[in-house]
C-alpha atoms as a PDB file:
ATOM      1  CA  MET A   1     -42.080 -82.127 -17.803  1.00  0.00           C
ATOM      2  CA  LEU A   2     -40.185 -80.757 -14.825  1.00  0.00           C
ATOM      3  CA  ALA A   3     -42.965 -82.181 -12.567  1.00  0.00           C
ATOM      4  CA  ARG A   4     -41.969 -85.810 -13.323  1.00  0.00           C
ATOM      5  CA  ARG A   5     -40.444 -87.831 -10.548  1.00  0.00           C
ATOM      6  CA  TYR A   6     -37.790 -90.533 -10.885  1.00  0.00           C
ATOM      7  CA  THR A   7     -36.907 -93.419  -8.570  1.00  0.00           C
ATOM      8  CA  VAL A   8     -33.301 -94.498  -8.203  1.00  0.00           C
ATOM      9  CA  LEU A   9     -32.636 -98.053  -6.806  1.00  0.00           C
ATOM     10  CA  ILE A  10     -29.490 -98.648  -4.803  1.00  0.00           C
ATOM     11  CA  ALA A  11     -28.824-102.376  -4.010  1.00  0.00           C
ATOM     12  CA  ASP A  12     -26.255-103.763  -1.550  1.00  0.00           C
ATOM     13  CA  ARG A  13     -25.071-107.067  -3.042  1.00  0.00           C
ATOM     14  CA  SER A  14     -23.607-108.352   0.155  1.00  0.00           C
ATOM     15  CA  SER A  15     -26.755-107.935   2.184  1.00  0.00           C
ATOM     16  CA  GLY A  16     -29.377-107.849  -0.538  1.00  0.00           C
ATOM     17  CA  VAL A  17     -30.794-104.581   0.846  1.00  0.00           C
ATOM     18  CA  VAL A  18     -32.349-102.333  -1.750  1.00  0.00           C
ATOM     19  CA  ARG A  19     -32.825 -98.602  -1.122  1.00  0.00           C
ATOM     20  CA  ARG A  20     -35.113 -96.391  -3.163  1.00  0.00           C
ATOM     21  CA  LEU A  21     -34.437 -92.683  -3.768  1.00  0.00           C
ATOM     22  CA  THR A  22     -37.154 -90.689  -5.432  1.00  0.00           C
ATOM     23  CA  VAL A  23     -36.241 -87.340  -6.955  1.00  0.00           C
ATOM     24  CA  SER A  24     -38.030 -84.869  -9.169  1.00  0.00           C
ATOM     25  CA  LEU A  25     -36.629 -83.404 -12.333  1.00  0.00           C
ATOM     26  CA  ARG A  26     -37.375 -79.874 -11.007  1.00  0.00           C
ATOM     27  CA  ALA A  27     -35.200 -80.446  -7.960  1.00  0.00           C
ATOM     28  CA  VAL A  28     -32.386 -81.823 -10.104  1.00  0.00           C
ATOM     29  CA  ALA A  29     -32.636 -78.869 -12.448  1.00  0.00           C
ATOM     30  CA  LEU A  30     -32.639 -76.367  -9.577  1.00  0.00           C
ATOM     31  CA  THR A  31     -29.697 -78.061  -7.946  1.00  0.00           C
ATOM     32  CA  THR A  32     -27.789 -78.095 -11.221  1.00  0.00           C
ATOM     33  CA  VAL A  33     -28.563 -74.448 -11.864  1.00  0.00           C
ATOM     34  CA  SER A  34     -27.555 -73.598  -8.308  1.00  0.00           C
ATOM     35  CA  VAL A  35     -24.290 -75.514  -8.549  1.00  0.00           C
ATOM     36  CA  PHE A  36     -23.255 -74.030 -11.878  1.00  0.00           C
ATOM     37  CA  GLY A  37     -25.101 -70.694 -11.812  1.00  0.00           C
ATOM     38  CA  LEU A  38     -24.055 -69.416  -8.387  1.00  0.00           C
ATOM     39  CA  PRO A  39     -20.401 -68.966  -9.330  1.00  0.00           C
ATOM     40  CA  LEU A  40     -21.515 -67.176 -12.467  1.00  0.00           C
ATOM     41  CA  LEU A  41     -23.741 -64.874 -10.448  1.00  0.00           C
ATOM     42  CA  ILE A  42     -20.949 -64.266  -7.982  1.00  0.00           C
ATOM     43  CA  GLY A  43     -18.600 -63.483 -10.859  1.00  0.00           C
ATOM     44  CA  PHE A  44     -21.060 -61.117 -12.491  1.00  0.00           C
ATOM     45  CA  GLY A  45     -21.716 -59.435  -9.125  1.00  0.00           C
ATOM     46  CA  ALA A  46     -18.019 -59.004  -8.460  1.00  0.00           C
ATOM     47  CA  ARG A  47     -17.522 -57.594 -11.945  1.00  0.00           C
ATOM     48  CA  TRP A  48     -20.433 -55.169 -11.505  1.00  0.00           C
ATOM     49  CA  SER A  49     -19.103 -54.095  -8.127  1.00  0.00           C
ATOM     50  CA  SER A  50     -15.655 -53.590  -9.626  1.00  0.00           C
ATOM     51  CA  ASN A  51     -17.076 -51.551 -12.478  1.00  0.00           C
ATOM     52  CA  ALA A  52     -19.107 -49.438 -10.066  1.00  0.00           C
ATOM     53  CA  GLU A  53     -16.032 -48.865  -7.894  1.00  0.00           C
ATOM     54  CA  ARG A  54     -13.941 -47.900 -10.917  1.00  0.00           C
ATOM     55  CA  HIS A  55     -16.670 -45.524 -12.053  1.00  0.00           C
ATOM     56  CA  GLN A  56     -16.787 -43.976  -8.568  1.00  0.00           C
ATOM     57  CA  LEU A  57     -13.002 -43.646  -8.517  1.00  0.00           C
ATOM     58  CA  ALA A  58     -13.026 -42.054 -11.957  1.00  0.00           C
ATOM     59  CA  THR A  59     -15.729 -39.601 -10.865  1.00  0.00           C
ATOM     60  CA  THR A  60     -13.822 -38.790  -7.695  1.00  0.00           C
ATOM     61  CA  ASN A  61     -10.607 -38.362  -9.688  1.00  0.00           C
ATOM     62  CA  ARG A  62     -12.285 -35.945 -12.111  1.00  0.00           C
ATOM     63  CA  ALA A  63     -13.696 -33.974  -9.183  1.00  0.00           C
ATOM     64  CA  LEU A  64     -10.251 -33.847  -7.559  1.00  0.00           C
ATOM     65  CA  GLN A  65      -8.693 -32.726 -10.831  1.00  0.00           C
ATOM     66  CA  ILE A  66     -11.257 -29.927 -11.138  1.00  0.00           C
ATOM     67  CA  GLU A  67     -10.765 -28.972  -7.499  1.00  0.00           C
ATOM     68  CA  ASN A  68      -6.993 -29.065  -7.912  1.00  0.00           C
ATOM     69  CA  GLY A  69      -7.244 -26.909 -11.034  1.00  0.00           C
ATOM     70  CA  ASN A  70      -9.430 -24.413  -9.196  1.00  0.00           C
ATOM     71  CA  TYR A  71      -7.005 -24.486  -6.287  1.00  0.00           C
ATOM     72  CA  ARG A  72      -4.047 -23.778  -8.566  1.00  0.00           C
ATOM     73  CA  GLU A  73      -5.962 -21.046 -10.384  1.00  0.00           C
ATOM     74  CA  THR A  74      -7.101 -19.369  -7.167  1.00  0.00           C
ATOM     75  CA  THR A  75      -3.655 -19.697  -5.604  1.00  0.00           C
ATOM     76  CA  GLY A  76      -2.110 -18.234  -8.749  1.00  0.00           C
ATOM     77  CA  GLU A  77      -4.517 -15.291  -8.711  1.00  0.00           C
ATOM     78  CA  LEU A  78      -3.850 -14.581  -5.040  1.00  0.00           C
ATOM     79  CA  THR A  79      -0.107 -14.894  -5.565  1.00  0.00           C
ATOM     80  CA  THR A  80      -0.268 -12.530  -8.546  1.00  0.00           C
ATOM     81  CA  GLN A  81      -2.240  -9.997  -6.499  1.00  0.00           C
ATOM     82  CA  ILE A  82       0.260 -10.281  -3.656  1.00  0.00           C
ATOM     83  CA  GLN A  83       3.198  -9.785  -6.029  1.00  0.00           C
ATOM     84  CA  SER A  84       1.423  -6.825  -7.619  1.00  0.00           C
ATOM     85  CA  LEU A  85       0.841  -5.212  -4.228  1.00  0.00           C
ATOM     86  CA  GLU A  86       4.447  -5.835  -3.230  1.00  0.00           C
ATOM     87  CA  GLY A  87       5.534  -4.173  -6.482  1.00  0.00           C
ATOM     88  CA  VAL A  88       3.349  -1.134  -5.769  1.00  0.00           C
ATOM     89  CA  ILE A  89       4.731  -0.922  -2.230  1.00  0.00           C
ATOM     90  CA  ASP A  90       8.297  -1.049  -3.604  1.00  0.00           C
ATOM     91  CA  GLU A  91       7.432   1.684  -6.105  1.00  0.00           C
ATOM     92  CA  LEU A  92       6.008   3.817  -3.315  1.00  0.00           C
ATOM     93  CA  GLY A  93       9.162   3.209  -1.318  1.00  0.00           C
ATOM     94  CA  ALA A  94      11.287   4.423  -4.235  1.00  0.00           C
ATOM     95  CA  ARG A  95       8.945   7.362  -4.722  1.00  0.00           C
ATOM     96  CA  SER A  96       9.368   8.351  -1.078  1.00  0.00           C
ATOM     97  CA  ALA A  97      13.117   8.901  -1.548  1.00  0.00           C
ATOM     98  CA  LEU A  98      13.766  12.630  -1.121  1.00  0.00           C
ATOM     99  CA  ASP A  99      16.513  14.862  -2.346  1.00  0.00           C
ATOM    100  CA  PRO A 100      19.134  14.833   0.458  1.00  0.00           C
ATOM    101  CA  ALA A 101      19.044  18.617   0.812  1.00  0.00           C
ATOM    102  CA  GLN A 102      15.240  18.605   0.995  1.00  0.00           C
ATOM    103  CA  ALA A 103      15.367  15.797   3.563  1.00  0.00           C
ATOM    104  CA  ARG A 104      17.784  17.827   5.697  1.00  0.00           C
ATOM    105  CA  ALA A 105      15.464  20.807   5.549  1.00  0.00           C
ATOM    106  CA  MET A 106      12.501  18.692   6.617  1.00  0.00           C
ATOM    107  CA  ALA A 107      14.528  17.173   9.445  1.00  0.00           C
ATOM    108  CA  LYS A 108      15.121  20.661  10.874  1.00  0.00           C
ATOM    109  CA  LEU A 109      11.439  21.554  10.999  1.00  0.00           C
ATOM    110  CA  PRO A 110      10.015  22.131  14.472  1.00  0.00           C
ATOM    111  CA  ALA A 111       8.716  18.983  16.167  1.00  0.00           C
ATOM    112  CA  VAL A 112       5.169  20.353  16.230  1.00  0.00           C
ATOM    113  CA  VAL A 113       5.230  20.586  12.410  1.00  0.00           C
ATOM    114  CA  LYS A 114       6.704  17.114  11.869  1.00  0.00           C
ATOM    115  CA  ALA A 115       4.185  15.643  14.311  1.00  0.00           C
ATOM    116  CA  LYS A 116       1.352  16.735  12.011  1.00  0.00           C
ATOM    117  CA  ALA A 117       2.885  14.665   9.218  1.00  0.00           C
ATOM    118  CA  ALA A 118       3.690  11.640  11.352  1.00  0.00           C
ATOM    119  CA  GLY A 119       2.434   8.197  10.356  1.00  0.00           C
ATOM    120  CA  GLY A 120       3.409   4.542  10.715  1.00  0.00           C
ATOM    121  CA  THR A 121       2.929   0.992   9.441  1.00  0.00           C
ATOM    122  CA  ALA A 122       4.611  -1.039  12.188  1.00  0.00           C
ATOM    123  CA  GLU A 123       1.380  -2.708  13.288  1.00  0.00           C
ATOM    124  CA  THR A 124       0.489  -3.792   9.765  1.00  0.00           C
ATOM    125  CA  SER A 125       4.028  -5.016   9.075  1.00  0.00           C
ATOM    126  CA  ALA A 126       3.970  -7.071  12.273  1.00  0.00           C
ATOM    127  CA  ALA A 127       0.635  -8.602  11.236  1.00  0.00           C
ATOM    128  CA  ILE A 128       2.110  -9.618   7.881  1.00  0.00           C
ATOM    129  CA  SER A 129       5.098 -11.219   9.630  1.00  0.00           C
ATOM    130  CA  ASN A 130       2.735 -13.253  11.799  1.00  0.00           C
ATOM    131  CA  VAL A 131       0.842 -14.473   8.717  1.00  0.00           C
ATOM    132  CA  ILE A 132       4.044 -15.456   6.911  1.00  0.00           C
ATOM    133  CA  SER A 133       5.160 -17.553   9.905  1.00  0.00           C
ATOM    134  CA  THR A 134       1.815 -19.397  10.064  1.00  0.00           C
ATOM    135  CA  SER A 135       1.872 -23.096   9.112  1.00  0.00           C
ATOM    136  CA  PHE A 136      -0.935 -24.732   7.105  1.00  0.00           C
ATOM    137  CA  SER A 137      -1.810 -28.252   6.058  1.00  0.00           C
ATOM    138  CA  SER A 138      -4.825 -28.008   3.752  1.00  0.00           C
ATOM    139  CA  PRO A 139      -5.988 -25.982   0.742  1.00  0.00           C
ATOM    140  CA  GLU A 140      -8.436 -24.136   2.981  1.00  0.00           C
ATOM    141  CA  ASP A 141      -5.554 -23.184   5.280  1.00  0.00           C
ATOM    142  CA  THR A 142      -3.493 -22.096   2.293  1.00  0.00           C
ATOM    143  CA  PHE A 143      -6.321 -19.959   0.910  1.00  0.00           C
ATOM    144  CA  GLY A 144      -6.894 -18.485   4.346  1.00  0.00           C
ATOM    145  CA  VAL A 145      -3.231 -17.597   4.777  1.00  0.00           C
ATOM    146  CA  LEU A 146      -2.959 -16.128   1.281  1.00  0.00           C
ATOM    147  CA  ARG A 147      -6.136 -14.080   1.715  1.00  0.00           C
ATOM    148  CA  THR A 148      -4.957 -12.853   5.119  1.00  0.00           C
ATOM    149  CA  LEU A 149      -1.584 -11.969   3.645  1.00  0.00           C
ATOM    150  CA  LEU A 150      -3.295 -10.187   0.767  1.00  0.00           C
ATOM    151  CA  GLN A 151      -5.481  -8.236   3.170  1.00  0.00           C
ATOM    152  CA  GLY A 152      -2.429  -7.386   5.261  1.00  0.00           C
ATOM    153  CA  LEU A 153      -0.576  -6.144   2.188  1.00  0.00           C
ATOM    154  CA  GLU A 154      -3.586  -4.078   1.129  1.00  0.00           C
ATOM    155  CA  ASN A 155      -3.680  -2.479   4.584  1.00  0.00           C
ATOM    156  CA  ARG A 156       0.052  -1.916   4.449  1.00  0.00           C
ATOM    157  CA  LEU A 157      -0.270  -0.408   0.981  1.00  0.00           C
ATOM    158  CA  ARG A 158      -2.884   2.043   2.254  1.00  0.00           C
ATOM    159  CA  ASN A 159      -0.627   2.998   5.152  1.00  0.00           C
ATOM    160  CA  VAL A 160       2.472   3.278   2.973  1.00  0.00           C
ATOM    161  CA  ARG A 161       0.581   5.366   0.429  1.00  0.00           C
ATOM    162  CA  LYS A 162      -0.676   7.642   3.204  1.00  0.00           C
ATOM    163  CA  ASP A 163       2.849   7.963   4.606  1.00  0.00           C
ATOM    164  CA  VAL A 164       4.322   8.719   1.192  1.00  0.00           C
ATOM    165  CA  GLU A 165       1.593  11.226   0.342  1.00  0.00           C
ATOM    166  CA  ARG A 166       2.006  12.843   3.776  1.00  0.00           C
ATOM    167  CA  GLN A 167       5.775  13.013   3.332  1.00  0.00           C
ATOM    168  CA  GLU A 168       5.416  14.428  -0.178  1.00  0.00           C
ATOM    169  CA  ALA A 169       2.968  17.025   1.138  1.00  0.00           C
ATOM    170  CA  LEU A 170       5.374  17.959   3.937  1.00  0.00           C
ATOM    171  CA  ALA A 171       8.251  18.200   1.453  1.00  0.00           C
ATOM    172  CA  ALA A 172       6.167  20.433  -0.810  1.00  0.00           C
ATOM    173  CA  ALA A 173       5.164  22.635   2.143  1.00  0.00           C
ATOM    174  CA  THR A 174       8.683  22.997   3.559  1.00  0.00           C
ATOM    175  CA  PRO A 175      10.196  26.405   2.601  1.00  0.00           C
ATOM    176  CA  SER A 176      13.605  25.269   1.382  1.00  0.00           C
ATOM    177  CA  ILE A 177      14.831  27.491  -1.473  1.00  0.00           C
ATOM    178  CA  TRP A 178      16.053  31.082  -1.443  1.00  0.00           C
ATOM    179  CA  PRO A 179      13.344  33.637  -2.240  1.00  0.00           C
ATOM    180  CA  ALA A 180      15.702  35.642  -4.463  1.00  0.00           C
ATOM    181  CA  HIS A 181      19.167  35.488  -6.010  1.00  0.00           C
ATOM    182  CA  GLY A 182      21.452  37.995  -4.377  1.00  0.00           C
ATOM    183  CA  TRP A 183      23.537  38.641  -1.273  1.00  0.00           C
ATOM    184  CA  LEU A 184      22.612  37.873   2.321  1.00  0.00           C
ATOM    185  CA  THR A 185      22.823  41.227   4.096  1.00  0.00           C
ATOM    186  CA  GLY A 186      20.627  40.676   7.146  1.00  0.00           C
ATOM    187  CA  TYR A 187      20.438  37.666   9.511  1.00  0.00           C
ATOM    188  CA  PHE A 188      17.742  36.329  11.811  1.00  0.00           C
ATOM    189  CA  GLY A 189      18.165  37.427  15.427  1.00  0.00           C
ATOM    190  CA  GLY A 190      19.641  40.334  17.322  1.00  0.00           C
ATOM    191  CA  ARG A 191      21.226  43.240  15.467  1.00  0.00           C
ATOM    192  CA  ALA A 192      21.496  47.030  15.490  1.00  0.00           C
ATOM    193  CA  ASP A 193      18.514  48.831  13.979  1.00  0.00           C
ATOM    194  CA  PRO A 194      19.663  50.214  10.580  1.00  0.00           C
ATOM    195  CA  PHE A 195      17.870  53.519  11.199  1.00  0.00           C
ATOM    196  CA  SER A 196      18.403  54.215  14.909  1.00  0.00           C
ATOM    197  CA  GLY A 197      21.390  52.029  15.712  1.00  0.00           C
ATOM    198  CA  GLU A 198      19.579  50.708  18.777  1.00  0.00           C
ATOM    199  CA  PRO A 199      19.572  46.965  19.612  1.00  0.00           C
ATOM    200  CA  ALA A 200      16.735  45.227  17.801  1.00  0.00           C
ATOM    201  CA  PHE A 201      15.529  41.782  16.816  1.00  0.00           C
ATOM    202  CA  HIS A 202      15.487  40.989  13.102  1.00  0.00           C
ATOM    203  CA  GLN A 203      12.639  38.567  12.326  1.00  0.00           C
ATOM    204  CA  GLY A 204      13.972  37.122   9.082  1.00  0.00           C
ATOM    205  CA  LEU A 205      16.617  37.357   6.390  1.00  0.00           C
ATOM    206  CA  ASP A 206      17.450  40.231   4.066  1.00  0.00           C
ATOM    207  CA  ILE A 207      18.597  39.301   0.562  1.00  0.00           C
ATOM    208  CA  SER A 208      19.856  42.292  -1.419  1.00  0.00           C
ATOM    209  CA  THR A 209      19.788  42.521  -5.220  1.00  0.00           C
ATOM    210  CA  GLU A 210      18.741  44.942  -7.935  1.00  0.00           C
ATOM    211  CA  LYS A 211      15.240  46.342  -7.925  1.00  0.00           C
ATOM    212  CA  GLY A 212      12.862  44.399 -10.142  1.00  0.00           C
ATOM    213  CA  GLN A 213      14.542  41.009  -9.692  1.00  0.00           C
ATOM    214  CA  PRO A 214      12.015  38.136  -9.245  1.00  0.00           C
ATOM    215  CA  VAL A 215      10.975  36.904  -5.823  1.00  0.00           C
ATOM    216  CA  TYR A 216      10.096  33.197  -5.630  1.00  0.00           C
ATOM    217  CA  ALA A 217       7.680  31.192  -3.500  1.00  0.00           C
ATOM    218  CA  THR A 218       9.881  28.971  -1.350  1.00  0.00           C
ATOM    219  CA  ALA A 219       7.259  26.203  -1.028  1.00  0.00           C
ATOM    220  CA  ASP A 220       3.837  25.183  -2.321  1.00  0.00           C
ATOM    221  CA  GLY A 221       1.023  27.128  -0.739  1.00  0.00           C
ATOM    222  CA  GLN A 222      -1.788  29.646  -1.065  1.00  0.00           C
ATOM    223  CA  VAL A 223      -1.581  33.417  -1.174  1.00  0.00           C
ATOM    224  CA  VAL A 224      -3.112  34.785   2.031  1.00  0.00           C
ATOM    225  CA  SER A 225      -2.477  38.431   1.189  1.00  0.00           C
ATOM    226  CA  ALA A 226      -0.633  40.630  -1.294  1.00  0.00           C
ATOM    227  CA  ALA A 227      -0.900  44.217  -0.067  1.00  0.00           C
ATOM    228  CA  TYR A 228       0.950  47.133   1.501  1.00  0.00           C
ATOM    229  CA  SER A 229       1.633  46.472   5.211  1.00  0.00           C
ATOM    230  CA  GLY A 230       3.389  49.218   7.217  1.00  0.00           C
ATOM    231  CA  ASP A 231       7.121  48.689   7.752  1.00  0.00           C
ATOM    232  CA  TYR A 232       7.032  45.639   5.439  1.00  0.00           C
ATOM    233  CA  GLY A 233       5.960  47.774   2.486  1.00  0.00           C
ATOM    234  CA  ASN A 234       4.464  45.638  -0.252  1.00  0.00           C
ATOM    235  CA  LEU A 235       4.091  42.268   1.459  1.00  0.00           C
ATOM    236  CA  VAL A 236       3.102  38.823   0.205  1.00  0.00           C
ATOM    237  CA  VAL A 237       2.048  36.224   2.794  1.00  0.00           C
ATOM    238  CA  LEU A 238       1.845  32.551   1.802  1.00  0.00           C
ATOM    239  CA  ARG A 239       0.167  29.830   3.840  1.00  0.00           C
ATOM    240  CA  HIS A 240       1.612  26.326   3.490  1.00  0.00           C
ATOM    241  CA  ASP A 241       0.376  23.047   4.938  1.00  0.00           C
ATOM    242  CA  PHE A 242       1.235  21.742   8.430  1.00  0.00           C
ATOM    243  CA  GLY A 243       1.071  25.183  10.060  1.00  0.00           C
ATOM    244  CA  LEU A 244       3.865  26.775   8.012  1.00  0.00           C
ATOM    245  CA  SER A 245       3.725  30.238   6.446  1.00  0.00           C
ATOM    246  CA  THR A 246       6.169  32.658   4.793  1.00  0.00           C
ATOM    247  CA  ARG A 247       6.380  36.442   4.335  1.00  0.00           C
ATOM    248  CA  TYR A 248       8.088  38.426   1.568  1.00  0.00           C
ATOM    249  CA  GLY A 249       8.469  42.170   2.226  1.00  0.00           C
ATOM    250  CA  HIS A 250       9.589  45.433   0.576  1.00  0.00           C
ATOM    251  CA  LEU A 251       8.476  44.280  -2.894  1.00  0.00           C
ATOM    252  CA  SER A 252       8.290  46.775  -5.754  1.00  0.00           C
ATOM    253  CA  ARG A 253       5.157  45.065  -7.150  1.00  0.00           C
ATOM    254  CA  PHE A 254       3.128  41.864  -6.911  1.00  0.00           C
ATOM    255  CA  ASN A 255       2.779  38.967  -9.312  1.00  0.00           C
ATOM    256  CA  VAL A 256       0.020  37.116  -7.400  1.00  0.00           C
ATOM    257  CA  SER A 257      -3.396  37.805  -5.937  1.00  0.00           C
ATOM    258  CA  PRO A 258      -4.963  36.637  -2.642  1.00  0.00           C
ATOM    259  CA  GLY A 259      -6.417  33.130  -2.867  1.00  0.00           C
ATOM    260  CA  ALA A 260      -4.085  32.008  -5.653  1.00  0.00           C
ATOM    261  CA  THR A 261      -2.295  28.663  -5.392  1.00  0.00           C
ATOM    262  CA  VAL A 262       1.458  28.773  -5.920  1.00  0.00           C
ATOM    263  CA  HIS A 263       4.198  26.177  -6.206  1.00  0.00           C
ATOM    264  CA  ARG A 264       7.795  26.258  -5.096  1.00  0.00           C
ATOM    265  CA  GLY A 265       9.751  28.428  -7.561  1.00  0.00           C
ATOM    266  CA  ASP A 266       6.771  30.452  -8.842  1.00  0.00           C
ATOM    267  CA  VAL A 267       7.416  34.201  -9.139  1.00  0.00           C
ATOM    268  CA  ILE A 268       5.191  35.979  -6.594  1.00  0.00           C
ATOM    269  CA  GLY A 269       6.596  39.506  -6.887  1.00  0.00           C
ATOM    270  CA  PHE A 270       9.650  41.634  -7.575  1.00  0.00           C
ATOM    271  CA  VAL A 271      12.388  43.071  -5.386  1.00  0.00           C
ATOM    272  CA  GLY A 272      11.908  46.658  -4.245  1.00  0.00           C
ATOM    273  CA  SER A 273      12.517  49.027  -1.337  1.00  0.00           C
ATOM    274  CA  THR A 274       9.002  49.865  -0.147  1.00  0.00           C
ATOM    275  CA  GLY A 275       8.175  50.394   3.529  1.00  0.00           C
ATOM    276  CA  ARG A 276      10.937  50.780   6.148  1.00  0.00           C
ATOM    277  CA  SER A 277      13.902  49.955   3.947  1.00  0.00           C
ATOM    278  CA  THR A 278      17.375  51.305   3.248  1.00  0.00           C
ATOM    279  CA  GLY A 279      17.768  49.764  -0.218  1.00  0.00           C
ATOM    280  CA  ALA A 280      16.509  47.214  -2.725  1.00  0.00           C
ATOM    281  CA  HIS A 281      16.132  43.840  -1.047  1.00  0.00           C
ATOM    282  CA  VAL A 282      13.544  41.223  -0.034  1.00  0.00           C
ATOM    283  CA  HIS A 283      12.809  40.615   3.630  1.00  0.00           C
ATOM    284  CA  TYR A 284      11.977  36.938   4.164  1.00  0.00           C
ATOM    285  CA  GLU A 285      10.353  35.273   7.186  1.00  0.00           C
ATOM    286  CA  ILE A 286       9.210  31.742   8.064  1.00  0.00           C
ATOM    287  CA  LEU A 287       6.626  30.989  10.750  1.00  0.00           C
ATOM    288  CA  ALA A 288       5.630  27.609  12.208  1.00  0.00           C
ATOM    289  CA  ASN A 289       2.286  27.688  14.016  1.00  0.00           C
ATOM    290  CA  GLY A 290       2.629  31.476  14.228  1.00  0.00           C
ATOM    291  CA  LYS A 291       6.149  31.415  15.726  1.00  0.00           C
ATOM    292  CA  LEU A 292       9.130  32.791  13.862  1.00  0.00           C
ATOM    293  CA  ILE A 293      11.964  30.385  13.025  1.00  0.00           C
ATOM    294  CA  ASN A 294      15.369  31.027  11.474  1.00  0.00           C
ATOM    295  CA  PRO A 295      15.017  30.583   7.685  1.00  0.00           C
ATOM    296  CA  LEU A 296      18.688  29.649   7.376  1.00  0.00           C
ATOM    297  CA  GLN A 297      18.099  26.264   8.998  1.00  0.00           C
ATOM    298  CA  LEU A 298      15.761  25.231   6.168  1.00  0.00           C
ATOM    299  CA  LEU A 299      17.579  26.654   3.138  1.00  0.00           C
ATOM    300  CA  THR A 300      19.055  23.945   0.890  1.00  0.00           C
ATOM    301  CA  GLN A 301      21.703  26.031  -0.891  1.00  0.00           C
ATOM    302  CA  PRO A 302      23.871  29.059  -0.140  1.00  0.00           C
ATOM    303  CA  ALA A 303      22.765  32.513  -1.214  1.00  0.00           C
ATOM    304  CA  GLN A 304      24.291  33.400  -4.545  1.00  0.00           C
ATOM    305  CA  ARG A 305      24.058  35.850  -7.395  1.00  0.00           C
ATOM    306  CA  GLN A 306      22.850  34.435 -10.715  1.00  0.00           C
END
């Protein structure tokens, strides 16, 4: 049916000219479909394109929401870790606070002793300051800065912990209490020999009290020896960290054995008058790297009778 052809006559009345126009039904149908169908196709295409674009936008939005959620979660975790590390550092700082008297004793230690306990965190602290002042404009930059800050805080924490542990060890090793309760009867330095009256050098302190009174370790350490030793009589020698050691002479008897670990305040023996002695007392010496130092400069309280 669409193959049929039709002739259209067009006559000009004024001139009598007649024109013939032959068309096929197929061509008319195609033209009609084209005229009316093209806008529909364009409309459907535009709608499809719009739907596809909306779908793409929705997909992108969901991806951004997931990414943003991950970003917030990761940022929150890093921030929590940073705050936790800062809290630990603050706790270590509070823990490092020493008793004023103990701090004064440590301050009077020889430089060679304090040098062995020296530490520092200036480099790490400066690195953290540089990270904090860094600007960033993207999540990757933010993550990078937070991770760098976290790493810097972890390094600082290690350094602070080492410093605190080193300071605590030095405090524990510093001989700072009196070895016995009594009266100070002999000072460090020059004096007249109690037996001959000749000028002599006294290597420690003499603290007099009744025989049998306890003698205390003045710092944490290890018993090097507990034996009779010439003029010292019954002598206990303690080795402490950082090159420090102490001696306790003229004891009546021992309360420790070689190799034992002792803490400040532990009873290591009892007052006596063994060896070259004129009466019941404890002779007390402090050595730093083998050199005698005046025990009075490290004692944190006056000698007293209790």
